[in-house]
PDB file of N, CA and C in Angstrom:
ATOM      1  N   UNK A   1     -13.309  -3.197  -3.882  1.00  0.00           N
ATOM      2  CA  UNK A   1     -12.216  -2.281  -4.120  1.00  0.00           C
ATOM      3  C   UNK A   1     -12.576  -0.868  -3.672  1.00  0.00           C
ATOM      4  N   UNK A   2     -13.874  -0.565  -3.592  1.00  0.00           N
ATOM      5  CA  UNK A   2     -14.296   0.759  -3.126  1.00  0.00           C
ATOM      6  C   UNK A   2     -13.816   1.035  -1.707  1.00  0.00           C
ATOM      7  N   UNK A   3     -13.862   0.000  -0.844  1.00  0.00           N
ATOM      8  CA  UNK A   3     -13.404   0.181   0.534  1.00  0.00           C
ATOM      9  C   UNK A   3     -11.911   0.489   0.584  1.00  0.00           C
ATOM     10  N   UNK A   4     -11.164  -0.108  -0.318  1.00  0.00           N
ATOM     11  CA  UNK A   4      -9.716   0.132  -0.363  1.00  0.00           C
ATOM     12  C   UNK A   4      -9.446   1.580  -0.757  1.00  0.00           C
ATOM     13  N   UNK A   5     -10.123   2.049  -1.815  1.00  0.00           N
ATOM     14  CA  UNK A   5      -9.924   3.428  -2.244  1.00  0.00           C
ATOM     15  C   UNK A   5     -10.366   4.414  -1.161  1.00  0.00           C
ATOM     16  N   UNK A   6     -11.469   4.108  -0.489  1.00  0.00           N
ATOM     17  CA  UNK A   6     -11.939   4.984   0.593  1.00  0.00           C
ATOM     18  C   UNK A   6     -10.907   5.025   1.723  1.00  0.00           C
ATOM     19  N   UNK A   7     -10.375   3.876   2.063  1.00  0.00           N
ATOM     20  CA  UNK A   7      -9.377   3.813   3.139  1.00  0.00           C
ATOM     21  C   UNK A   7      -8.114   4.570   2.764  1.00  0.00           C
ATOM     22  N   UNK A   8      -7.680   4.439   1.522  1.00  0.00           N
ATOM     23  CA  UNK A   8      -6.449   5.098   1.073  1.00  0.00           C
ATOM     24  C   UNK A   8      -6.623   6.600   0.856  1.00  0.00           C
ATOM     25  N   UNK A   9      -7.868   7.055   0.786  1.00  0.00           N
ATOM     26  CA  UNK A   9      -8.129   8.478   0.527  1.00  0.00           C
ATOM     27  C   UNK A   9      -7.767   9.362   1.721  1.00  0.00           C
ATOM     28  N   UNK A  10      -7.611   8.785   2.889  1.00  0.00           N
ATOM     29  CA  UNK A  10      -7.346   9.564   4.098  1.00  0.00           C
ATOM     30  C   UNK A  10      -5.856   9.541   4.439  1.00  0.00           C
ATOM     31  N   UNK A  11      -5.289  10.711   4.657  1.00  0.00           N
ATOM     32  CA  UNK A  11      -3.863  10.838   4.963  1.00  0.00           C
ATOM     33  C   UNK A  11      -3.451  10.141   6.254  1.00  0.00           C
ATOM     34  N   UNK A  12      -4.307  10.169   7.257  1.00  0.00           N
ATOM     35  CA  UNK A  12      -3.985   9.509   8.522  1.00  0.00           C
ATOM     36  C   UNK A  12      -3.890   8.005   8.328  1.00  0.00           C
ATOM     37  N   UNK A  13      -4.796   7.452   7.550  1.00  0.00           N
ATOM     38  CA  UNK A  13      -4.754   6.007   7.302  1.00  0.00           C
ATOM     39  C   UNK A  13      -3.525   5.636   6.470  1.00  0.00           C
ATOM     40  N   UNK A  14      -3.160   6.490   5.519  1.00  0.00           N
ATOM     41  CA  UNK A  14      -1.930   6.233   4.757  1.00  0.00           C
ATOM     42  C   UNK A  14      -0.717   6.290   5.676  1.00  0.00           C
ATOM     43  N   UNK A  15      -0.746   7.205   6.639  1.00  0.00           N
ATOM     44  CA  UNK A  15       0.358   7.299   7.605  1.00  0.00           C
ATOM     45  C   UNK A  15       0.447   6.023   8.445  1.00  0.00           C
ATOM     46  N   UNK A  16      -0.688   5.494   8.863  1.00  0.00           N
ATOM     47  CA  UNK A  16      -0.688   4.235   9.618  1.00  0.00           C
ATOM     48  C   UNK A  16      -0.120   3.096   8.763  1.00  0.00           C
ATOM     49  N   UNK A  17      -0.494   3.054   7.499  1.00  0.00           N
ATOM     50  CA  UNK A  17       0.052   2.024   6.611  1.00  0.00           C
ATOM     51  C   UNK A  17       1.558   2.189   6.458  1.00  0.00           C
ATOM     52  N   UNK A  18       2.025   3.431   6.369  1.00  0.00           N
ATOM     53  CA  UNK A  18       3.465   3.690   6.282  1.00  0.00           C
ATOM     54  C   UNK A  18       4.186   3.204   7.545  1.00  0.00           C
ATOM     55  N   UNK A  19       3.572   3.435   8.699  1.00  0.00           N
ATOM     56  CA  UNK A  19       4.171   2.977   9.956  1.00  0.00           C
ATOM     57  C   UNK A  19       4.263   1.454   9.984  1.00  0.00           C
ATOM     58  N   UNK A  20       3.225   0.788   9.497  1.00  0.00           N
ATOM     59  CA  UNK A  20       3.246  -0.675   9.471  1.00  0.00           C
ATOM     60  C   UNK A  20       4.220  -1.193   8.413  1.00  0.00           C
ATOM     61  N   UNK A  21       4.363  -0.460   7.338  1.00  0.00           N
ATOM     62  CA  UNK A  21       5.341  -0.859   6.327  1.00  0.00           C
ATOM     63  C   UNK A  21       6.756  -0.791   6.908  1.00  0.00           C
ATOM     64  N   UNK A  22       7.024   0.261   7.668  1.00  0.00           N
ATOM     65  CA  UNK A  22       8.351   0.448   8.265  1.00  0.00           C
ATOM     66  C   UNK A  22       8.627  -0.569   9.362  1.00  0.00           C
ATOM     67  N   UNK A  23       7.586  -0.941  10.114  1.00  0.00           N
ATOM     68  CA  UNK A  23       7.744  -1.872  11.237  1.00  0.00           C
ATOM     69  C   UNK A  23       6.452  -2.663  11.374  1.00  0.00           C
ATOM     70  N   UNK A  24       6.349  -3.751  10.659  1.00  0.00           N
ATOM     71  CA  UNK A  24       5.115  -4.530  10.628  1.00  0.00           C
ATOM     72  C   UNK A  24       4.889  -5.243  11.956  1.00  0.00           C
ATOM     73  N   UNK A  25       3.620  -5.368  12.343  1.00  0.00           N
ATOM     74  CA  UNK A  25       3.278  -6.073  13.563  1.00  0.00           C
ATOM     75  C   UNK A  25       3.365  -5.207  14.798  1.00  0.00           C
ATOM     76  N   UNK A  26       2.570  -4.134  14.815  1.00  0.00           N
ATOM     77  CA  UNK A  26       2.587  -3.216  15.957  1.00  0.00           C
ATOM     78  C   UNK A  26       1.249  -3.264  16.696  1.00  0.00           C
ATOM     79  N   UNK A  27       1.323  -3.028  17.981  1.00  0.00           N
ATOM     80  CA  UNK A  27       0.120  -2.945  18.801  1.00  0.00           C
ATOM     81  C   UNK A  27      -0.507  -1.559  18.653  1.00  0.00           C
ATOM     82  N   UNK A  28      -1.720  -1.430  19.137  1.00  0.00           N
ATOM     83  CA  UNK A  28      -2.396  -0.132  19.119  1.00  0.00           C
ATOM     84  C   UNK A  28      -1.570   0.895  19.897  1.00  0.00           C
ATOM     85  N   UNK A  29      -1.053   0.512  21.040  1.00  0.00           N
ATOM     86  CA  UNK A  29      -0.248   1.423  21.848  1.00  0.00           C
ATOM     87  C   UNK A  29       0.992   1.909  21.119  1.00  0.00           C
ATOM     88  N   UNK A  30       1.666   0.991  20.426  1.00  0.00           N
ATOM     89  CA  UNK A  30       2.869   1.365  19.676  1.00  0.00           C
ATOM     90  C   UNK A  30       2.528   2.337  18.553  1.00  0.00           C
ATOM     91  N   UNK A  31       1.431   2.088  17.875  1.00  0.00           N
ATOM     92  CA  UNK A  31       1.017   2.975  16.791  1.00  0.00           C
ATOM     93  C   UNK A  31       0.619   4.348  17.334  1.00  0.00           C
ATOM     94  N   UNK A  32      -0.095   4.354  18.455  1.00  0.00           N
ATOM     95  CA  UNK A  32      -0.550   5.621  19.045  1.00  0.00           C
ATOM     96  C   UNK A  32       0.621   6.523  19.443  1.00  0.00           C
ATOM     97  N   UNK A  33       1.711   5.918  19.915  1.00  0.00           N
ATOM     98  CA  UNK A  33       2.884   6.703  20.312  1.00  0.00           C
ATOM     99  C   UNK A  33       3.468   7.492  19.146  1.00  0.00           C
ATOM    100  N   UNK A  34       3.235   7.014  17.930  1.00  0.00           N
ATOM    101  CA  UNK A  34       3.823   7.633  16.750  1.00  0.00           C
ATOM    102  C   UNK A  34       2.867   8.594  16.043  1.00  0.00           C
ATOM    103  N   UNK A  35       1.647   8.699  16.558  1.00  0.00           N
ATOM    104  CA  UNK A  35       0.624   9.522  15.925  1.00  0.00           C
ATOM    105  C   UNK A  35       0.315  10.737  16.802  1.00  0.00           C
ATOM    106  N   UNK A  36      -0.220  11.768  16.188  1.00  0.00           N
ATOM    107  CA  UNK A  36      -0.575  12.987  16.937  1.00  0.00           C
ATOM    108  C   UNK A  36      -2.078  13.080  17.176  1.00  0.00           C
ATOM    109  N   UNK A  37      -2.787  11.977  16.972  1.00  0.00           N
ATOM    110  CA  UNK A  37      -4.238  11.962  17.197  1.00  0.00           C
ATOM    111  C   UNK A  37      -4.551  11.071  18.391  1.00  0.00           C
ATOM    112  N   UNK A  38      -5.789  11.099  18.847  1.00  0.00           N
ATOM    113  CA  UNK A  38      -6.177  10.338  20.036  1.00  0.00           C
ATOM    114  C   UNK A  38      -6.184   8.837  19.749  1.00  0.00           C
ATOM    115  N   UNK A  39      -6.122   8.088  20.819  1.00  0.00           N
ATOM    116  CA  UNK A  39      -6.184   6.618  20.729  1.00  0.00           C
ATOM    117  C   UNK A  39      -7.480   6.179  20.045  1.00  0.00           C
ATOM    118  N   UNK A  40      -8.591   6.857  20.384  1.00  0.00           N
ATOM    119  CA  UNK A  40      -9.881   6.512  19.784  1.00  0.00           C
ATOM    120  C   UNK A  40      -9.865   6.756  18.273  1.00  0.00           C
ATOM    121  N   UNK A  41      -9.222   7.829  17.848  1.00  0.00           N
ATOM    122  CA  UNK A  41      -9.133   8.129  16.415  1.00  0.00           C
ATOM    123  C   UNK A  41      -8.279   7.087  15.697  1.00  0.00           C
ATOM    124  N   UNK A  42      -7.170   6.692  16.314  1.00  0.00           N
ATOM    125  CA  UNK A  42      -6.319   5.658  15.719  1.00  0.00           C
ATOM    126  C   UNK A  42      -7.114   4.366  15.584  1.00  0.00           C
ATOM    127  N   UNK A  43      -7.865   4.018  16.626  1.00  0.00           N
ATOM    128  CA  UNK A  43      -8.681   2.809  16.597  1.00  0.00           C
ATOM    129  C   UNK A  43      -9.691   2.864  15.454  1.00  0.00           C
ATOM    130  N   UNK A  44     -10.342   4.002  15.292  1.00  0.00           N
ATOM    131  CA  UNK A  44     -11.330   4.177  14.221  1.00  0.00           C
ATOM    132  C   UNK A  44     -10.676   3.986  12.848  1.00  0.00           C
ATOM    133  N   UNK A  45      -9.514   4.595  12.659  1.00  0.00           N
ATOM    134  CA  UNK A  45      -8.825   4.477  11.378  1.00  0.00           C
ATOM    135  C   UNK A  45      -8.358   3.036  11.131  1.00  0.00           C
ATOM    136  N   UNK A  46      -7.885   2.368  12.164  1.00  0.00           N
ATOM    137  CA  UNK A  46      -7.459   0.982  12.016  1.00  0.00           C
ATOM    138  C   UNK A  46      -8.622   0.074  11.634  1.00  0.00           C
ATOM    139  N   UNK A  47      -9.796   0.336  12.192  1.00  0.00           N
ATOM    140  CA  UNK A  47     -10.980  -0.467  11.843  1.00  0.00           C
ATOM    141  C   UNK A  47     -11.336  -0.306  10.368  1.00  0.00           C
ATOM    142  N   UNK A  48     -11.232   0.903   9.857  1.00  0.00           N
ATOM    143  CA  UNK A  48     -11.504   1.136   8.434  1.00  0.00           C
ATOM    144  C   UNK A  48     -10.476   0.401   7.580  1.00  0.00           C
ATOM    145  N   UNK A  49      -9.219   0.430   8.009  1.00  0.00           N
ATOM    146  CA  UNK A  49      -8.171  -0.291   7.277  1.00  0.00           C
ATOM    147  C   UNK A  49      -8.397  -1.806   7.337  1.00  0.00           C
ATOM    148  N   UNK A  50      -8.872  -2.300   8.464  1.00  0.00           N
ATOM    149  CA  UNK A  50      -9.188  -3.726   8.593  1.00  0.00           C
ATOM    150  C   UNK A  50     -10.355  -4.108   7.675  1.00  0.00           C
ATOM    151  N   UNK A  51     -11.404  -3.270   7.652  1.00  0.00           N
ATOM    152  CA  UNK A  51     -12.559  -3.539   6.800  1.00  0.00           C
ATOM    153  C   UNK A  51     -12.177  -3.555   5.323  1.00  0.00           C
ATOM    154  N   UNK A  52     -11.170  -2.757   4.959  1.00  0.00           N
ATOM    155  CA  UNK A  52     -10.692  -2.720   3.574  1.00  0.00           C
ATOM    156  C   UNK A  52      -9.683  -3.835   3.308  1.00  0.00           C
ATOM    157  N   UNK A  53      -9.383  -4.631   4.317  1.00  0.00           N
ATOM    158  CA  UNK A  53      -8.423  -5.730   4.232  1.00  0.00           C
ATOM    159  C   UNK A  53      -6.999  -5.242   3.978  1.00  0.00           C
ATOM    160  N   UNK A  54      -6.714  -3.995   4.331  1.00  0.00           N
ATOM    161  CA  UNK A  54      -5.360  -3.457   4.203  1.00  0.00           C
ATOM    162  C   UNK A  54      -4.515  -3.743   5.439  1.00  0.00           C
ATOM    163  N   UNK A  55      -5.197  -4.038   6.533  1.00  0.00           N
ATOM    164  CA  UNK A  55      -4.532  -4.388   7.786  1.00  0.00           C
ATOM    165  C   UNK A  55      -5.175  -5.668   8.304  1.00  0.00           C
ATOM    166  N   UNK A  56      -4.341  -6.600   8.709  1.00  0.00           N
ATOM    167  CA  UNK A  56      -4.853  -7.805   9.353  1.00  0.00           C
ATOM    168  C   UNK A  56      -4.355  -7.804  10.795  1.00  0.00           C
ATOM    169  N   UNK A  57      -5.085  -8.500  11.641  1.00  0.00           N
ATOM    170  CA  UNK A  57      -4.728  -8.521  13.061  1.00  0.00           C
ATOM    171  C   UNK A  57      -4.501  -9.951  13.529  1.00  0.00           C
ATOM    172  N   UNK A  58      -3.591 -10.067  14.473  1.00  0.00           N
ATOM    173  CA  UNK A  58      -3.301 -11.335  15.120  1.00  0.00           C
ATOM    174  C   UNK A  58      -3.254 -11.062  16.612  1.00  0.00           C
ATOM    175  N   UNK A  59      -3.981 -11.851  17.349  1.00  0.00           N
ATOM    176  CA  UNK A  59      -3.988 -11.693  18.801  1.00  0.00           C
ATOM    177  C   UNK A  59      -2.820 -12.469  19.400  1.00  0.00           C
ATOM    178  N   UNK A  60      -2.049 -11.803  20.245  1.00  0.00           N
ATOM    179  CA  UNK A  60      -0.993 -12.423  21.044  1.00  0.00           C
ATOM    180  C   UNK A  60      -1.399 -12.232  22.492  1.00  0.00           C
ATOM    181  N   UNK A  61      -2.061 -13.242  23.027  1.00  0.00           N
ATOM    182  CA  UNK A  61      -2.623 -13.106  24.371  1.00  0.00           C
ATOM    183  C   UNK A  61      -3.716 -12.061  24.351  1.00  0.00           C
ATOM    184  N   UNK A  62      -3.557 -11.024  25.153  1.00  0.00           N
ATOM    185  CA  UNK A  62      -4.550  -9.944  25.202  1.00  0.00           C
ATOM    186  C   UNK A  62      -4.195  -8.789  24.284  1.00  0.00           C
ATOM    187  N   UNK A  63      -3.074  -8.897  23.573  1.00  0.00           N
ATOM    188  CA  UNK A  63      -2.607  -7.803  22.724  1.00  0.00           C
ATOM    189  C   UNK A  63      -2.926  -8.092  21.255  1.00  0.00           C
ATOM    190  N   UNK A  64      -3.491  -7.106  20.627  1.00  0.00           N
ATOM    191  CA  UNK A  64      -3.868  -7.198  19.216  1.00  0.00           C
ATOM    192  C   UNK A  64      -2.754  -6.560  18.385  1.00  0.00           C
ATOM    193  N   UNK A  65      -2.109  -7.364  17.536  1.00  0.00           N
ATOM    194  CA  UNK A  65      -1.027  -6.875  16.698  1.00  0.00           C
ATOM    195  C   UNK A  65      -1.565  -6.596  15.293  1.00  0.00           C
ATOM    196  N   UNK A  66      -1.137  -5.485  14.720  1.00  0.00           N
ATOM    197  CA  UNK A  66      -1.609  -5.048  13.408  1.00  0.00           C
ATOM    198  C   UNK A  66      -0.516  -5.267  12.365  1.00  0.00           C
ATOM    199  N   UNK A  67      -0.923  -5.865  11.245  1.00  0.00           N
ATOM    200  CA  UNK A  67       0.013  -6.174  10.167  1.00  0.00           C
ATOM    201  C   UNK A  67      -0.510  -5.609   8.853  1.00  0.00           C
ATOM    202  N   UNK A  68       0.402  -5.096   8.063  1.00  0.00           N
ATOM    203  CA  UNK A  68       0.068  -4.589   6.738  1.00  0.00           C
ATOM    204  C   UNK A  68      -0.247  -5.762   5.822  1.00  0.00           C
ATOM    205  N   UNK A  69      -1.346  -5.653   5.085  1.00  0.00           N
ATOM    206  CA  UNK A  69      -1.687  -6.637   4.062  1.00  0.00           C
ATOM    207  C   UNK A  69      -1.548  -5.950   2.704  1.00  0.00           C
ATOM    208  N   UNK A  70      -0.475  -6.219   1.967  1.00  0.00           N
ATOM    209  CA  UNK A  70      -0.238  -5.516   0.709  1.00  0.00           C
ATOM    210  C   UNK A  70      -1.054  -6.035  -0.474  1.00  0.00           C
ATOM    211  N   UNK A  71      -1.797  -7.121  -0.301  1.00  0.00           N
ATOM    212  CA  UNK A  71      -2.516  -7.731  -1.427  1.00  0.00           C
ATOM    213  C   UNK A  71      -3.496  -6.769  -2.101  1.00  0.00           C
ATOM    214  N   UNK A  72      -4.370  -6.060  -1.365  1.00  0.00           N
ATOM    215  CA  UNK A  72      -5.290  -5.148  -2.050  1.00  0.00           C
ATOM    216  C   UNK A  72      -4.576  -4.040  -2.831  1.00  0.00           C
ATOM    217  N   UNK A  73      -3.452  -3.558  -2.320  1.00  0.00           N
ATOM    218  CA  UNK A  73      -2.691  -2.533  -3.036  1.00  0.00           C
ATOM    219  C   UNK A  73      -2.093  -3.133  -4.304  1.00  0.00           C
ATOM    220  N   UNK A  74      -1.637  -4.372  -4.214  1.00  0.00           N
ATOM    221  CA  UNK A  74      -1.131  -5.069  -5.393  1.00  0.00           C
ATOM    222  C   UNK A  74      -2.209  -5.244  -6.449  1.00  0.00           C
ATOM    223  N   UNK A  75      -3.425  -5.524  -6.008  1.00  0.00           N
ATOM    224  CA  UNK A  75      -4.540  -5.671  -6.945  1.00  0.00           C
ATOM    225  C   UNK A  75      -4.856  -4.341  -7.630  1.00  0.00           C
ATOM    226  N   UNK A  76      -4.779  -3.251  -6.889  1.00  0.00           N
ATOM    227  CA  UNK A  76      -4.987  -1.925  -7.484  1.00  0.00           C
ATOM    228  C   UNK A  76      -3.890  -1.656  -8.517  1.00  0.00           C
ATOM    229  N   UNK A  77      -2.672  -1.972  -8.142  1.00  0.00           N
ATOM    230  CA  UNK A  77      -1.564  -1.769  -9.074  1.00  0.00           C
ATOM    231  C   UNK A  77      -1.799  -2.572 -10.351  1.00  0.00           C
ATOM    232  N   UNK A  78      -2.170  -3.810 -10.198  1.00  0.00           N
ATOM    233  CA  UNK A  78      -2.368  -4.673 -11.361  1.00  0.00           C
ATOM    234  C   UNK A  78      -3.500  -4.171 -12.253  1.00  0.00           C
ATOM    235  N   UNK A  79      -4.586  -3.750 -11.637  1.00  0.00           N
ATOM    236  CA  UNK A  79      -5.755  -3.339 -12.417  1.00  0.00           C
ATOM    237  C   UNK A  79      -5.643  -1.921 -12.969  1.00  0.00           C
ATOM    238  N   UNK A  80      -5.131  -0.991 -12.168  1.00  0.00           N
ATOM    239  CA  UNK A  80      -5.197   0.417 -12.542  1.00  0.00           C
ATOM    240  C   UNK A  80      -3.866   1.031 -12.962  1.00  0.00           C
ATOM    241  N   UNK A  81      -2.760   0.516 -12.477  1.00  0.00           N
ATOM    242  CA  UNK A  81      -1.466   1.128 -12.773  1.00  0.00           C
ATOM    243  C   UNK A  81      -0.662   0.263 -13.735  1.00  0.00           C
ATOM    244  N   UNK A  82      -0.622  -1.015 -13.468  1.00  0.00           N
ATOM    245  CA  UNK A  82       0.188  -1.930 -14.263  1.00  0.00           C
ATOM    246  C   UNK A  82      -0.120  -1.900 -15.743  1.00  0.00           C
ATOM    247  N   UNK A  83      -1.394  -1.810 -16.092  1.00  0.00           N
ATOM    248  CA  UNK A  83      -1.727  -1.828 -17.516  1.00  0.00           C
ATOM    249  C   UNK A  83      -1.205  -0.592 -18.242  1.00  0.00           C
ATOM    250  N   UNK A  84      -1.073   0.530 -17.529  1.00  0.00           N
ATOM    251  CA  UNK A  84      -0.515   1.733 -18.149  1.00  0.00           C
ATOM    252  C   UNK A  84       1.003   1.642 -18.231  1.00  0.00           C
ATOM    253  N   UNK A  85       1.623   1.015 -17.262  1.00  0.00           N
ATOM    254  CA  UNK A  85       3.071   0.850 -17.281  1.00  0.00           C
ATOM    255  C   UNK A  85       3.502  -0.063 -18.417  1.00  0.00           C
ATOM    256  N   UNK A  86       2.714  -1.100 -18.705  1.00  0.00           N
ATOM    257  CA  UNK A  86       3.066  -2.031 -19.774  1.00  0.00           C
ATOM    258  C   UNK A  86       3.266  -1.306 -21.093  1.00  0.00           C
ATOM    259  N   UNK A  87       2.406  -0.335 -21.381  1.00  0.00           N
ATOM    260  CA  UNK A  87       2.526   0.412 -22.636  1.00  0.00           C
ATOM    261  C   UNK A  87       3.827   1.214 -22.676  1.00  0.00           C
ATOM    262  N   UNK A  88       4.193   1.803 -21.559  1.00  0.00           N
ATOM    263  CA  UNK A  88       5.456   2.562 -21.510  1.00  0.00           C
ATOM    264  C   UNK A  88       6.656   1.649 -21.678  1.00  0.00           C
ATOM    265  N   UNK A  89       6.617   0.497 -21.038  1.00  0.00           N
ATOM    266  CA  UNK A  89       7.727  -0.449 -21.146  1.00  0.00           C
ATOM    267  C   UNK A  89       7.836  -0.964 -22.582  1.00  0.00           C
ATOM    268  N   UNK A  90       6.697  -1.260 -23.181  1.00  0.00           N
ATOM    269  CA  UNK A  90       6.711  -1.706 -24.580  1.00  0.00           C
ATOM    270  C   UNK A  90       7.256  -0.607 -25.491  1.00  0.00           C
ATOM    271  N   UNK A  91       6.866   0.640 -25.258  1.00  0.00           N
ATOM    272  CA  UNK A  91       7.350   1.760 -26.070  1.00  0.00           C
ATOM    273  C   UNK A  91       8.861   1.929 -25.912  1.00  0.00           C
ATOM    274  N   UNK A  92       9.354   1.812 -24.688  1.00  0.00           N
ATOM    275  CA  UNK A  92      10.801   1.912 -24.457  1.00  0.00           C
ATOM    276  C   UNK A  92      11.546   0.771 -25.134  1.00  0.00           C
ATOM    277  N   UNK A  93      10.978  -0.409 -25.081  1.00  0.00           N
ATOM    278  CA  UNK A  93      11.596  -1.562 -25.730  1.00  0.00           C
ATOM    279  C   UNK A  93      11.644  -1.373 -27.250  1.00  0.00           C
ATOM    280  N   UNK A  94      10.563  -0.860 -27.813  1.00  0.00           N
ATOM    281  CA  UNK A  94      10.520  -0.582 -29.253  1.00  0.00           C
ATOM    282  C   UNK A  94      11.558   0.466 -29.629  1.00  0.00           C
ATOM    283  N   UNK A  95      11.656   1.522 -28.824  1.00  0.00           N
ATOM    284  CA  UNK A  95      12.650   2.568 -29.065  1.00  0.00           C
ATOM    285  C   UNK A  95      14.060   1.997 -28.982  1.00  0.00           C
ATOM    286  N   UNK A  96      14.323   1.182 -27.988  1.00  0.00           N
ATOM    287  CA  UNK A  96      15.641   0.560 -27.816  1.00  0.00           C
ATOM    288  C   UNK A  96      15.995  -0.277 -29.043  1.00  0.00           C
ATOM    289  N   UNK A  97      15.049  -1.076 -29.492  1.00  0.00           N
ATOM    290  CA  UNK A  97      15.311  -1.917 -30.665  1.00  0.00           C
ATOM    291  C   UNK A  97      15.583  -1.063 -31.904  1.00  0.00           C
ATOM    292  N   UNK A  98      14.822   0.008 -32.084  1.00  0.00           N
ATOM    293  CA  UNK A  98      15.021   0.889 -33.236  1.00  0.00           C
ATOM    294  C   UNK A  98      16.387   1.548 -33.180  1.00  0.00           C
ATOM    295  N   UNK A  99      16.795   1.999 -32.008  1.00  0.00           N
ATOM    296  CA  UNK A  99      18.109   2.629 -31.860  1.00  0.00           C
ATOM    297  C   UNK A  99      19.231   1.630 -32.099  1.00  0.00           C
ATOM    298  N   UNK A 100      19.058   0.421 -31.633  1.00  0.00           N
ATOM    299  CA  UNK A 100      20.069  -0.604 -31.854  1.00  0.00           C
ATOM    300  C   UNK A 100      20.188  -0.947 -33.333  1.00  0.00           C
ATOM    301  N   UNK A 101      19.050  -1.028 -34.006  1.00  0.00           N
ATOM    302  CA  UNK A 101      19.069  -1.286 -35.447  1.00  0.00           C
ATOM    303  C   UNK A 101      19.769  -0.170 -36.193  1.00  0.00           C
ATOM    304  N   UNK A 102      19.490   1.084 -35.830  1.00  0.00           N
ATOM    305  CA  UNK A 102      20.143   2.228 -36.471  1.00  0.00           C
ATOM    306  C   UNK A 102      21.650   2.208 -36.255  1.00  0.00           C
ATOM    307  N   UNK A 103      22.079   1.861 -35.049  1.00  0.00           N
ATOM    308  CA  UNK A 103      23.518   1.851 -34.766  1.00  0.00           C
ATOM    309  C   UNK A 103      24.198   0.676 -35.482  1.00  0.00           C
ATOM    310  N   UNK A 104      23.477  -0.401 -35.741  1.00  0.00           N
ATOM    311  CA  UNK A 104      24.050  -1.544 -36.463  1.00  0.00           C
ATOM    312  C   UNK A 104      24.191  -1.250 -37.954  1.00  0.00           C
ATOM    313  N   UNK A 105      23.374  -0.356 -38.496  1.00  0.00           N
ATOM    314  CA  UNK A 105      23.426  -0.018 -39.918  1.00  0.00           C
ATOM    315  C   UNK A 105      24.488   1.029 -40.226  1.00  0.00           C
ATOM    316  N   UNK A 106      25.080   1.605 -39.228  1.00  0.00           N
ATOM    317  CA  UNK A 106      26.096   2.664 -39.462  1.00  0.00           C
ATOM    318  C   UNK A 106      27.419   2.089 -39.779  1.00  0.00           C
TER     319      UNK A 106
END
């Protein structure tokens, strides 16, 4: 999970993930057209995203297509965010039930 957090810590890599989210399955050339950095820099960032398993690649002939892999982000959500959301949802549910009980007693 450390590789995922390291990969997500960089704004350029988050931008690449956003581009893949908007249009999954892009070549290096397609991604480079949308970025303001060099092709070599895009390649470097994509390799870090691949190592973190946030991007997977599929070869179509000689062209390497990049796809967003949302699984590691889902795992982060489940481990680090979801458990905090559960408490809020439970609190809202408790509040809703209390308000409904109060309105039924009137």
